[in-house]
PDB file of N, CA and C in Angstrom:
ATOM      1  N   MET A   1      89.541 154.828 122.632  1.00  0.00           N
ATOM      2  CA  MET A   1      90.146 155.484 121.483  1.00  0.00           C
ATOM      3  C   MET A   1      90.039 156.998 121.670  1.00  0.00           C
ATOM      4  N   ILE A   2      91.081 157.675 121.224  1.00  0.00           N
ATOM      5  CA  ILE A   2      91.150 159.124 121.361  1.00  0.00           C
ATOM      6  C   ILE A   2      91.568 159.726 120.012  1.00  0.00           C
ATOM      7  N   ILE A   3      91.067 160.918 119.724  1.00  0.00           N
ATOM      8  CA  ILE A   3      91.386 161.584 118.453  1.00  0.00           C
ATOM      9  C   ILE A   3      92.817 162.063 118.488  1.00  0.00           C
ATOM     10  N   VAL A   4      93.590 161.639 117.484  1.00  0.00           N
ATOM     11  CA  VAL A   4      94.994 162.036 117.410  1.00  0.00           C
ATOM     12  C   VAL A   4      95.235 162.987 116.239  1.00  0.00           C
ATOM     13  N   TYR A   5      94.328 162.990 115.243  1.00  0.00           N
ATOM     14  CA  TYR A   5      94.528 163.836 114.061  1.00  0.00           C
ATOM     15  C   TYR A   5      93.184 164.113 113.411  1.00  0.00           C
ATOM     16  N   GLU A   6      92.917 165.409 113.094  1.00  0.00           N
ATOM     17  CA  GLU A   6      91.740 165.778 112.314  1.00  0.00           C
ATOM     18  C   GLU A   6      92.218 166.083 110.900  1.00  0.00           C
ATOM     19  N   ALA A   7      91.764 165.300 109.956  1.00  0.00           N
ATOM     20  CA  ALA A   7      92.244 165.401 108.583  1.00  0.00           C
ATOM     21  C   ALA A   7      91.399 166.367 107.765  1.00  0.00           C
ATOM     22  N   LYS A   8      92.027 166.967 106.744  1.00  0.00           N
ATOM     23  CA  LYS A   8      91.317 167.839 105.806  1.00  0.00           C
ATOM     24  C   LYS A   8      90.578 167.015 104.760  1.00  0.00           C
ATOM     25  N   SER A   9      91.104 165.821 104.467  1.00  0.00           N
ATOM     26  CA  SER A   9      90.483 164.951 103.481  1.00  0.00           C
ATOM     27  C   SER A   9      90.756 163.493 103.855  1.00  0.00           C
ATOM     28  N   SER A  10      90.052 162.604 103.193  1.00  0.00           N
ATOM     29  CA  SER A  10      90.257 161.182 103.472  1.00  0.00           C
ATOM     30  C   SER A  10      91.644 160.731 103.008  1.00  0.00           C
ATOM     31  N   ILE A  11      92.219 161.425 102.042  1.00  0.00           N
ATOM     32  CA  ILE A  11      93.571 161.098 101.590  1.00  0.00           C
ATOM     33  C   ILE A  11      94.578 161.330 102.709  1.00  0.00           C
ATOM     34  N   ASP A  12      94.496 162.511 103.359  1.00  0.00           N
ATOM     35  CA  ASP A  12      95.395 162.791 104.490  1.00  0.00           C
ATOM     36  C   ASP A  12      95.195 161.780 105.607  1.00  0.00           C
ATOM     37  N   ALA A  13      93.953 161.454 105.879  1.00  0.00           N
ATOM     38  CA  ALA A  13      93.659 160.501 106.957  1.00  0.00           C
ATOM     39  C   ALA A  13      94.274 159.137 106.662  1.00  0.00           C
ATOM     40  N   ASN A  14      94.160 158.686 105.429  1.00  0.00           N
ATOM     41  CA  ASN A  14      94.746 157.395 105.058  1.00  0.00           C
ATOM     42  C   ASN A  14      96.268 157.419 105.091  1.00  0.00           C
ATOM     43  N   ILE A  15      96.872 158.539 104.714  1.00  0.00           N
ATOM     44  CA  ILE A  15      98.329 158.653 104.789  1.00  0.00           C
ATOM     45  C   ILE A  15      98.771 158.564 106.241  1.00  0.00           C
ATOM     46  N   VAL A  16      98.101 159.312 107.134  1.00  0.00           N
ATOM     47  CA  VAL A  16      98.443 159.276 108.550  1.00  0.00           C
ATOM     48  C   VAL A  16      98.237 157.880 109.113  1.00  0.00           C
ATOM     49  N   GLN A  17      97.136 157.245 108.751  1.00  0.00           N
ATOM     50  CA  GLN A  17      96.886 155.885 109.232  1.00  0.00           C
ATOM     51  C   GLN A  17      98.003 154.938 108.775  1.00  0.00           C
ATOM     52  N   ASP A  18      98.422 155.035 107.529  1.00  0.00           N
ATOM     53  CA  ASP A  18      99.497 154.172 107.027  1.00  0.00           C
ATOM     54  C   ASP A  18     100.804 154.431 107.754  1.00  0.00           C
ATOM     55  N   ILE A  19     101.132 155.698 107.996  1.00  0.00           N
ATOM     56  CA  ILE A  19     102.369 156.036 108.705  1.00  0.00           C
ATOM     57  C   ILE A  19     102.344 155.456 110.117  1.00  0.00           C
ATOM     58  N   LEU A  20     101.219 155.590 110.789  1.00  0.00           N
ATOM     59  CA  LEU A  20     101.112 155.071 112.150  1.00  0.00           C
ATOM     60  C   LEU A  20     101.162 153.550 112.176  1.00  0.00           C
ATOM     61  N   LEU A  21     100.517 152.913 111.225  1.00  0.00           N
ATOM     62  CA  LEU A  21     100.533 151.443 111.176  1.00  0.00           C
ATOM     63  C   LEU A  21     101.934 150.916 110.885  1.00  0.00           C
ATOM     64  N   ILE A  22     102.697 151.615 110.048  1.00  0.00           N
ATOM     65  CA  ILE A  22     104.071 151.215 109.768  1.00  0.00           C
ATOM     66  C   ILE A  22     104.900 151.241 111.048  1.00  0.00           C
ATOM     67  N   ASP A  23     104.649 152.240 111.902  1.00  0.00           N
ATOM     68  CA  ASP A  23     105.380 152.347 113.159  1.00  0.00           C
ATOM     69  C   ASP A  23     104.789 151.486 114.267  1.00  0.00           C
ATOM     70  N   GLY A  24     103.806 150.666 113.943  1.00  0.00           N
ATOM     71  CA  GLY A  24     103.250 149.725 114.912  1.00  0.00           C
ATOM     72  C   GLY A  24     102.193 150.309 115.841  1.00  0.00           C
ATOM     73  N   ILE A  25     101.607 151.444 115.458  1.00  0.00           N
ATOM     74  CA  ILE A  25     100.568 152.057 116.283  1.00  0.00           C
ATOM     75  C   ILE A  25      99.223 151.736 115.662  1.00  0.00           C
ATOM     76  N   ASN A  26      98.373 151.088 116.422  1.00  0.00           N
ATOM     77  CA  ASN A  26      97.043 150.715 115.941  1.00  0.00           C
ATOM     78  C   ASN A  26      96.153 151.966 115.922  1.00  0.00           C
ATOM     79  N   CYS A  27      95.497 152.210 114.789  1.00  0.00           N
ATOM     80  CA  CYS A  27      94.628 153.392 114.673  1.00  0.00           C
ATOM     81  C   CYS A  27      93.470 153.076 113.750  1.00  0.00           C
ATOM     82  N   HIS A  28      92.471 153.987 113.777  1.00  0.00           N
ATOM     83  CA  HIS A  28      91.249 153.792 113.012  1.00  0.00           C
ATOM     84  C   HIS A  28      90.775 155.144 112.488  1.00  0.00           C
ATOM     85  N   ILE A  29      90.222 155.176 111.282  1.00  0.00           N
ATOM     86  CA  ILE A  29      89.693 156.413 110.699  1.00  0.00           C
ATOM     87  C   ILE A  29      88.190 156.466 110.978  1.00  0.00           C
ATOM     88  N   MET A  30      87.747 157.572 111.548  1.00  0.00           N
ATOM     89  CA  MET A  30      86.326 157.792 111.797  1.00  0.00           C
ATOM     90  C   MET A  30      85.821 158.879 110.855  1.00  0.00           C
ATOM     91  N   GLY A  31      84.685 158.639 110.198  1.00  0.00           N
ATOM     92  CA  GLY A  31      84.074 159.637 109.337  1.00  0.00           C
ATOM     93  C   GLY A  31      84.623 159.680 107.932  1.00  0.00           C
ATOM     94  N   GLY A  32      85.325 158.653 107.511  1.00  0.00           N
ATOM     95  CA  GLY A  32      85.909 158.643 106.190  1.00  0.00           C
ATOM     96  C   GLY A  32      84.885 158.691 105.067  1.00  0.00           C
ATOM     97  N   TYR A  33      83.681 158.189 105.335  1.00  0.00           N
ATOM     98  CA  TYR A  33      82.658 158.155 104.297  1.00  0.00           C
ATOM     99  C   TYR A  33      81.754 159.387 104.334  1.00  0.00           C
ATOM    100  N   LEU A  34      81.964 160.265 105.306  1.00  0.00           N
ATOM    101  CA  LEU A  34      81.137 161.468 105.403  1.00  0.00           C
ATOM    102  C   LEU A  34      81.540 162.544 104.410  1.00  0.00           C
ATOM    103  N   GLU A  35      82.709 162.386 103.798  1.00  0.00           N
ATOM    104  CA  GLU A  35      83.207 163.392 102.873  1.00  0.00           C
ATOM    105  C   GLU A  35      82.286 163.546 101.659  1.00  0.00           C
ATOM    106  N   GLY A  36      81.574 162.500 101.284  1.00  0.00           N
ATOM    107  CA  GLY A  36      80.669 162.554 100.152  1.00  0.00           C
ATOM    108  C   GLY A  36      79.433 163.396 100.398  1.00  0.00           C
ATOM    109  N   GLY A  37      79.101 163.660 101.642  1.00  0.00           N
ATOM    110  CA  GLY A  37      77.917 164.454 101.968  1.00  0.00           C
ATOM    111  C   GLY A  37      78.238 165.889 102.314  1.00  0.00           C
ATOM    112  N   VAL A  38      79.310 166.442 101.764  1.00  0.00           N
ATOM    113  CA  VAL A  38      79.756 167.777 102.129  1.00  0.00           C
ATOM    114  C   VAL A  38      78.699 168.830 101.849  1.00  0.00           C
ATOM    115  N   GLY A  39      77.869 168.652 100.838  1.00  0.00           N
ATOM    116  CA  GLY A  39      76.829 169.632 100.546  1.00  0.00           C
ATOM    117  C   GLY A  39      75.807 169.750 101.653  1.00  0.00           C
ATOM    118  N   GLU A  40      75.629 168.695 102.419  1.00  0.00           N
ATOM    119  CA  GLU A  40      74.639 168.693 103.481  1.00  0.00           C
ATOM    120  C   GLU A  40      75.262 168.773 104.871  1.00  0.00           C
ATOM    121  N   LEU A  41      76.558 168.518 104.971  1.00  0.00           N
ATOM    122  CA  LEU A  41      77.257 168.516 106.255  1.00  0.00           C
ATOM    123  C   LEU A  41      78.289 169.633 106.283  1.00  0.00           C
ATOM    124  N   GLN A  42      78.762 169.958 107.479  1.00  0.00           N
ATOM    125  CA  GLN A  42      79.831 170.949 107.554  1.00  0.00           C
ATOM    126  C   GLN A  42      81.091 170.368 106.917  1.00  0.00           C
ATOM    127  N   PRO A  43      81.828 171.133 106.125  1.00  0.00           N
ATOM    128  CA  PRO A  43      82.940 170.548 105.375  1.00  0.00           C
ATOM    129  C   PRO A  43      84.206 170.326 106.186  1.00  0.00           C
ATOM    130  N   MET A  44      84.316 170.832 107.388  1.00  0.00           N
ATOM    131  CA  MET A  44      85.544 170.704 108.156  1.00  0.00           C
ATOM    132  C   MET A  44      85.332 169.799 109.369  1.00  0.00           C
ATOM    133  N   GLY A  45      86.359 169.099 109.749  1.00  0.00           N
ATOM    134  CA  GLY A  45      86.341 168.298 110.963  1.00  0.00           C
ATOM    135  C   GLY A  45      85.541 167.017 110.874  1.00  0.00           C
ATOM    136  N   LEU A  46      85.334 166.520 109.669  1.00  0.00           N
ATOM    137  CA  LEU A  46      84.546 165.293 109.518  1.00  0.00           C
ATOM    138  C   LEU A  46      85.376 164.038 109.741  1.00  0.00           C
ATOM    139  N   ILE A  47      86.620 164.060 109.260  1.00  0.00           N
ATOM    140  CA  ILE A  47      87.440 162.856 109.247  1.00  0.00           C
ATOM    141  C   ILE A  47      88.499 162.949 110.337  1.00  0.00           C
ATOM    142  N   LYS A  48      88.510 161.935 111.200  1.00  0.00           N
ATOM    143  CA  LYS A  48      89.436 161.921 112.326  1.00  0.00           C
ATOM    144  C   LYS A  48      90.169 160.592 112.366  1.00  0.00           C
ATOM    145  N   VAL A  49      91.432 160.641 112.767  1.00  0.00           N
ATOM    146  CA  VAL A  49      92.211 159.426 113.000  1.00  0.00           C
ATOM    147  C   VAL A  49      92.259 159.245 114.510  1.00  0.00           C
ATOM    148  N   MET A  50      91.885 158.046 114.954  1.00  0.00           N
ATOM    149  CA  MET A  50      91.828 157.767 116.385  1.00  0.00           C
ATOM    150  C   MET A  50      92.790 156.646 116.730  1.00  0.00           C
ATOM    151  N   THR A  51      93.344 156.712 117.939  1.00  0.00           N
ATOM    152  CA  THR A  51      94.267 155.699 118.414  1.00  0.00           C
ATOM    153  C   THR A  51      94.028 155.428 119.888  1.00  0.00           C
ATOM    154  N   ASP A  52      94.639 154.398 120.409  1.00  0.00           N
ATOM    155  CA  ASP A  52      94.522 154.084 121.829  1.00  0.00           C
ATOM    156  C   ASP A  52      95.196 155.176 122.654  1.00  0.00           C
ATOM    157  N   GLU A  53      94.726 155.359 123.883  1.00  0.00           N
ATOM    158  CA  GLU A  53      95.293 156.393 124.742  1.00  0.00           C
ATOM    159  C   GLU A  53      96.758 156.126 125.054  1.00  0.00           C
ATOM    160  N   LYS A  54      97.152 154.866 125.147  1.00  0.00           N
ATOM    161  CA  LYS A  54      98.557 154.548 125.467  1.00  0.00           C
ATOM    162  C   LYS A  54      99.499 154.907 124.332  1.00  0.00           C
ATOM    163  N   ASP A  55      98.991 154.971 123.111  1.00  0.00           N
ATOM    164  CA  ASP A  55      99.815 155.309 121.930  1.00  0.00           C
ATOM    165  C   ASP A  55      99.690 156.763 121.518  1.00  0.00           C
ATOM    166  N   PHE A  56      98.936 157.554 122.259  1.00  0.00           N
ATOM    167  CA  PHE A  56      98.615 158.920 121.848  1.00  0.00           C
ATOM    168  C   PHE A  56      99.870 159.779 121.659  1.00  0.00           C
ATOM    169  N   GLN A  57     100.761 159.799 122.646  1.00  0.00           N
ATOM    170  CA  GLN A  57     101.945 160.666 122.588  1.00  0.00           C
ATOM    171  C   GLN A  57     102.879 160.264 121.441  1.00  0.00           C
ATOM    172  N   ALA A  58     103.082 158.968 121.261  1.00  0.00           N
ATOM    173  CA  ALA A  58     103.947 158.501 120.175  1.00  0.00           C
ATOM    174  C   ALA A  58     103.333 158.854 118.816  1.00  0.00           C
ATOM    175  N   ALA A  59     102.021 158.693 118.695  1.00  0.00           N
ATOM    176  CA  ALA A  59     101.330 159.015 117.447  1.00  0.00           C
ATOM    177  C   ALA A  59     101.418 160.511 117.143  1.00  0.00           C
ATOM    178  N   LYS A  60     101.242 161.354 118.157  1.00  0.00           N
ATOM    179  CA  LYS A  60     101.340 162.795 117.972  1.00  0.00           C
ATOM    180  C   LYS A  60     102.730 163.187 117.463  1.00  0.00           C
ATOM    181  N   LYS A  61     103.760 162.556 118.013  1.00  0.00           N
ATOM    182  CA  LYS A  61     105.132 162.858 117.612  1.00  0.00           C
ATOM    183  C   LYS A  61     105.360 162.459 116.148  1.00  0.00           C
ATOM    184  N   ILE A  62     104.878 161.300 115.764  1.00  0.00           N
ATOM    185  CA  ILE A  62     105.035 160.820 114.383  1.00  0.00           C
ATOM    186  C   ILE A  62     104.292 161.734 113.401  1.00  0.00           C
ATOM    187  N   ILE A  63     103.089 162.137 113.781  1.00  0.00           N
ATOM    188  CA  ILE A  63     102.293 163.022 112.921  1.00  0.00           C
ATOM    189  C   ILE A  63     102.955 164.392 112.789  1.00  0.00           C
ATOM    190  N   ALA A  64     103.523 164.910 113.891  1.00  0.00           N
ATOM    191  CA  ALA A  64     104.211 166.200 113.840  1.00  0.00           C
ATOM    192  C   ALA A  64     105.419 166.127 112.901  1.00  0.00           C
ATOM    193  N   GLU A  65     106.157 165.014 112.930  1.00  0.00           N
ATOM    194  CA  GLU A  65     107.290 164.849 112.018  1.00  0.00           C
ATOM    195  C   GLU A  65     106.812 164.812 110.565  1.00  0.00           C
ATOM    196  N   TRP A  66     105.711 164.116 110.314  1.00  0.00           N
ATOM    197  CA  TRP A  66     105.180 164.018 108.967  1.00  0.00           C
ATOM    198  C   TRP A  66     104.719 165.393 108.456  1.00  0.00           C
ATOM    199  N   GLU A  67     104.043 166.159 109.331  1.00  0.00           N
ATOM    200  CA  GLU A  67     103.563 167.477 108.923  1.00  0.00           C
ATOM    201  C   GLU A  67     104.711 168.446 108.662  1.00  0.00           C
ATOM    202  N   SER A  68     105.819 168.309 109.386  1.00  0.00           N
ATOM    203  CA  SER A  68     106.950 169.209 109.162  1.00  0.00           C
ATOM    204  C   SER A  68     107.656 168.893 107.835  1.00  0.00           C
ATOM    205  N   GLU A  69     107.569 167.645 107.379  1.00  0.00           N
ATOM    206  CA  GLU A  69     108.187 167.262 106.112  1.00  0.00           C
ATOM    207  C   GLU A  69     107.279 167.530 104.909  1.00  0.00           C
ATOM    208  N   LYS A  70     105.987 167.674 105.145  1.00  0.00           N
ATOM    209  CA  LYS A  70     105.016 167.858 104.062  1.00  0.00           C
ATOM    210  C   LYS A  70     105.173 169.266 103.473  1.00  0.00           C
ATOM    211  N   PRO A  71     105.360 169.402 102.149  1.00  0.00           N
ATOM    212  CA  PRO A  71     105.523 170.715 101.557  1.00  0.00           C
ATOM    213  C   PRO A  71     104.204 171.490 101.575  1.00  0.00           C
ATOM    214  N   GLU A  72     104.311 172.773 101.834  1.00  0.00           N
ATOM    215  CA  GLU A  72     103.137 173.636 101.825  1.00  0.00           C
ATOM    216  C   GLU A  72     102.829 174.067 100.400  1.00  0.00           C
ATOM    217  N   GLN A  73     101.561 174.301 100.120  1.00  0.00           N
ATOM    218  CA  GLN A  73     101.179 174.772  98.796  1.00  0.00           C
ATOM    219  C   GLN A  73     101.482 176.259  98.699  1.00  0.00           C
ATOM    220  N   THR A  74     102.253 176.652  97.719  1.00  0.00           N
ATOM    221  CA  THR A  74     102.648 178.054  97.560  1.00  0.00           C
ATOM    222  C   THR A  74     101.521 178.857  96.930  1.00  0.00           C
ATOM    223  N   LYS A  75     101.627 180.171  97.027  1.00  0.00           N
ATOM    224  CA  LYS A  75     100.613 181.038  96.404  1.00  0.00           C
ATOM    225  C   LYS A  75     100.610 180.870  94.889  1.00  0.00           C
ATOM    226  N   HIS A  76     101.805 180.628  94.320  1.00  0.00           N
ATOM    227  CA  HIS A  76     101.902 180.427  92.878  1.00  0.00           C
ATOM    228  C   HIS A  76     101.105 179.194  92.456  1.00  0.00           C
ATOM    229  N   ASP A  77     101.239 178.103  93.214  1.00  0.00           N
ATOM    230  CA  ASP A  77     100.486 176.892  92.920  1.00  0.00           C
ATOM    231  C   ASP A  77      98.985 177.131  93.060  1.00  0.00           C
ATOM    232  N   GLN A  78      98.590 177.925  94.055  1.00  0.00           N
ATOM    233  CA  GLN A  78      97.166 178.215  94.260  1.00  0.00           C
ATOM    234  C   GLN A  78      96.608 179.044  93.115  1.00  0.00           C
ATOM    235  N   THR A  79      97.374 180.032  92.614  1.00  0.00           N
ATOM    236  CA  THR A  79      96.867 180.854  91.512  1.00  0.00           C
ATOM    237  C   THR A  79      96.753 180.037  90.235  1.00  0.00           C
ATOM    238  N   ILE A  80      97.706 179.139  90.000  1.00  0.00           N
ATOM    239  CA  ILE A  80      97.616 178.264  88.819  1.00  0.00           C
ATOM    240  C   ILE A  80      96.394 177.374  88.935  1.00  0.00           C
ATOM    241  N   GLU A  81      96.162 176.827  90.136  1.00  0.00           N
ATOM    242  CA  GLU A  81      95.008 175.969  90.355  1.00  0.00           C
ATOM    243  C   GLU A  81      93.712 176.742  90.142  1.00  0.00           C
ATOM    244  N   ASN A  82      93.641 177.988  90.646  1.00  0.00           N
ATOM    245  CA  ASN A  82      92.448 178.815  90.475  1.00  0.00           C
ATOM    246  C   ASN A  82      92.220 179.151  88.999  1.00  0.00           C
ATOM    247  N   LYS A  83      93.296 179.403  88.234  1.00  0.00           N
ATOM    248  CA  LYS A  83      93.155 179.687  86.804  1.00  0.00           C
ATOM    249  C   LYS A  83      92.623 178.463  86.068  1.00  0.00           C
ATOM    250  N   ASN A  84      93.117 177.290  86.443  1.00  0.00           N
ATOM    251  CA  ASN A  84      92.637 176.070  85.789  1.00  0.00           C
ATOM    252  C   ASN A  84      91.153 175.851  86.061  1.00  0.00           C
ATOM    253  N   ILE A  85      90.712 176.137  87.276  1.00  0.00           N
ATOM    254  CA  ILE A  85      89.302 176.005  87.618  1.00  0.00           C
ATOM    255  C   ILE A  85      88.483 177.018  86.829  1.00  0.00           C
ATOM    256  N   ALA A  86      88.981 178.258  86.718  1.00  0.00           N
ATOM    257  CA  ALA A  86      88.259 179.294  85.980  1.00  0.00           C
ATOM    258  C   ALA A  86      88.156 178.936  84.501  1.00  0.00           C
ATOM    259  N   GLN A  87      89.229 178.392  83.921  1.00  0.00           N
ATOM    260  CA  GLN A  87      89.186 178.008  82.524  1.00  0.00           C
ATOM    261  C   GLN A  87      88.201 176.873  82.299  1.00  0.00           C
ATOM    262  N   THR A  88      88.143 175.950  83.206  1.00  0.00           N
ATOM    263  CA  THR A  88      87.205 174.842  83.074  1.00  0.00           C
ATOM    264  C   THR A  88      85.775 175.357  83.106  1.00  0.00           C
ATOM    265  N   LYS A  89      85.485 176.300  83.981  1.00  0.00           N
ATOM    266  CA  LYS A  89      84.128 176.826  84.081  1.00  0.00           C
ATOM    267  C   LYS A  89      83.739 177.621  82.849  1.00  0.00           C
ATOM    268  N   THR A  90      84.678 178.356  82.221  1.00  0.00           N
ATOM    269  CA  THR A  90      84.316 179.165  81.066  1.00  0.00           C
ATOM    270  C   THR A  90      83.991 178.313  79.855  1.00  0.00           C
ATOM    271  N   TYR A  91      84.591 177.147  79.720  1.00  0.00           N
ATOM    272  CA  TYR A  91      84.325 176.293  78.575  1.00  0.00           C
ATOM    273  C   TYR A  91      83.092 175.421  78.770  1.00  0.00           C
ATOM    274  N   LYS A  92      82.634 175.276  79.989  1.00  0.00           N
ATOM    275  CA  LYS A  92      81.487 174.394  80.230  1.00  0.00           C
ATOM    276  C   LYS A  92      80.201 174.952  79.658  1.00  0.00           C
ATOM    277  N   LYS A  93      79.910 176.219  79.893  1.00  0.00           N
ATOM    278  CA  LYS A  93      78.630 176.788  79.477  1.00  0.00           C
ATOM    279  C   LYS A  93      78.423 176.764  77.962  1.00  0.00           C
ATOM    280  N   PRO A  94      79.398 177.225  77.162  1.00  0.00           N
ATOM    281  CA  PRO A  94      79.180 177.144  75.704  1.00  0.00           C
ATOM    282  C   PRO A  94      79.052 175.714  75.207  1.00  0.00           C
ATOM    283  N   LEU A  95      79.799 174.813  75.802  1.00  0.00           N
ATOM    284  CA  LEU A  95      79.741 173.421  75.383  1.00  0.00           C
ATOM    285  C   LEU A  95      78.381 172.817  75.682  1.00  0.00           C
ATOM    286  N   VAL A  96      77.821 173.132  76.823  1.00  0.00           N
ATOM    287  CA  VAL A  96      76.481 172.631  77.171  1.00  0.00           C
ATOM    288  C   VAL A  96      75.451 173.246  76.240  1.00  0.00           C
ATOM    289  N   GLY A  97      75.570 174.529  75.966  1.00  0.00           N
ATOM    290  CA  GLY A  97      74.631 175.202  75.064  1.00  0.00           C
ATOM    291  C   GLY A  97      74.693 174.636  73.656  1.00  0.00           C
ATOM    292  N   LEU A  98      75.898 174.372  73.174  1.00  0.00           N
ATOM    293  CA  LEU A  98      76.061 173.782  71.850  1.00  0.00           C
ATOM    294  C   LEU A  98      75.470 172.378  71.791  1.00  0.00           C
ATOM    295  N   THR A  99      75.681 171.601  72.823  1.00  0.00           N
ATOM    296  CA  THR A  99      75.130 170.247  72.869  1.00  0.00           C
ATOM    297  C   THR A  99      73.609 170.267  72.839  1.00  0.00           C
ATOM    298  N   ILE A 100      72.999 171.155  73.596  1.00  0.00           N
ATOM    299  CA  ILE A 100      71.539 171.267  73.623  1.00  0.00           C
ATOM    300  C   ILE A 100      71.020 171.701  72.249  1.00  0.00           C
ATOM    301  N   ALA A 101      71.711 172.662  71.639  1.00  0.00           N
ATOM    302  CA  ALA A 101      71.288 173.133  70.315  1.00  0.00           C
ATOM    303  C   ALA A 101      71.356 172.015  69.276  1.00  0.00           C
ATOM    304  N   LEU A 102      72.399 171.193  69.340  1.00  0.00           N
ATOM    305  CA  LEU A 102      72.514 170.070  68.410  1.00  0.00           C
ATOM    306  C   LEU A 102      71.403 169.048  68.622  1.00  0.00           C
ATOM    307  N   PHE A 103      71.051 168.782  69.860  1.00  0.00           N
ATOM    308  CA  PHE A 103      69.957 167.846  70.129  1.00  0.00           C
ATOM    309  C   PHE A 103      68.637 168.385  69.596  1.00  0.00           C
ATOM    310  N   ILE A 104      68.392 169.675  69.774  1.00  0.00           N
ATOM    311  CA  ILE A 104      67.161 170.286  69.262  1.00  0.00           C
ATOM    312  C   ILE A 104      67.102 170.187  67.747  1.00  0.00           C
ATOM    313  N   LEU A 105      68.221 170.524  67.090  1.00  0.00           N
ATOM    314  CA  LEU A 105      68.250 170.431  65.628  1.00  0.00           C
ATOM    315  C   LEU A 105      68.062 168.991  65.148  1.00  0.00           C
ATOM    316  N   PHE A 106      68.667 168.049  65.839  1.00  0.00           N
ATOM    317  CA  PHE A 106      68.542 166.642  65.471  1.00  0.00           C
ATOM    318  C   PHE A 106      67.074 166.209  65.523  1.00  0.00           C
ATOM    319  N   PHE A 107      66.406 166.525  66.619  1.00  0.00           N
ATOM    320  CA  PHE A 107      65.002 166.109  66.739  1.00  0.00           C
ATOM    321  C   PHE A 107      64.092 166.898  65.806  1.00  0.00           C
ATOM    322  N   TYR A 108      64.451 168.137  65.485  1.00  0.00           N
ATOM    323  CA  TYR A 108      63.686 168.918  64.526  1.00  0.00           C
ATOM    324  C   TYR A 108      63.754 168.276  63.150  1.00  0.00           C
ATOM    325  N   PHE A 109      64.960 167.943  62.697  1.00  0.00           N
ATOM    326  CA  PHE A 109      65.097 167.300  61.372  1.00  0.00           C
ATOM    327  C   PHE A 109      64.519 165.897  61.361  1.00  0.00           C
ATOM    328  N   LEU A 110      64.547 165.241  62.491  1.00  0.00           N
ATOM    329  CA  LEU A 110      63.929 163.913  62.603  1.00  0.00           C
ATOM    330  C   LEU A 110      62.421 163.995  62.461  1.00  0.00           C
ATOM    331  N   SER A 111      61.825 165.076  62.979  1.00  0.00           N
ATOM    332  CA  SER A 111      60.373 165.228  62.909  1.00  0.00           C
ATOM    333  C   SER A 111      59.913 165.630  61.502  1.00  0.00           C
ATOM    334  N   LEU A 112      60.792 166.188  60.677  1.00  0.00           N
ATOM    335  CA  LEU A 112      60.441 166.578  59.320  1.00  0.00           C
ATOM    336  C   LEU A 112      60.231 165.381  58.402  1.00  0.00           C
ATOM    337  N   ARG A 113      60.818 164.282  58.729  1.00  0.00           N
ATOM    338  CA  ARG A 113      60.708 163.082  57.872  1.00  0.00           C
ATOM    339  C   ARG A 113      59.391 162.480  57.963  1.00  0.00           C
TER     340      ARG A 113
END
């Protein structure tokens, strides 16, 4: 088996595997379960799609066609995504603080009885 594609995520790896299997090329995903340990492992180059050496050239051609058809993420989409992440982070802290305050008040009034 030889590495034919290094995926950014397990989703990309599974898409490539499905495309290759549809075209009759036998392949296997290596490292698909390592994505969960990103905090302890390097985040890039974990997931690889592997195929037989005899199918390597055909698989590379199919993957190149798939990558050329895949739309790129625009800067506008990235800024919207970053704003959504920032908004999520700003609401988390007050919500956690309010929840803790409510628990403290609940146990305080419970202890008064």
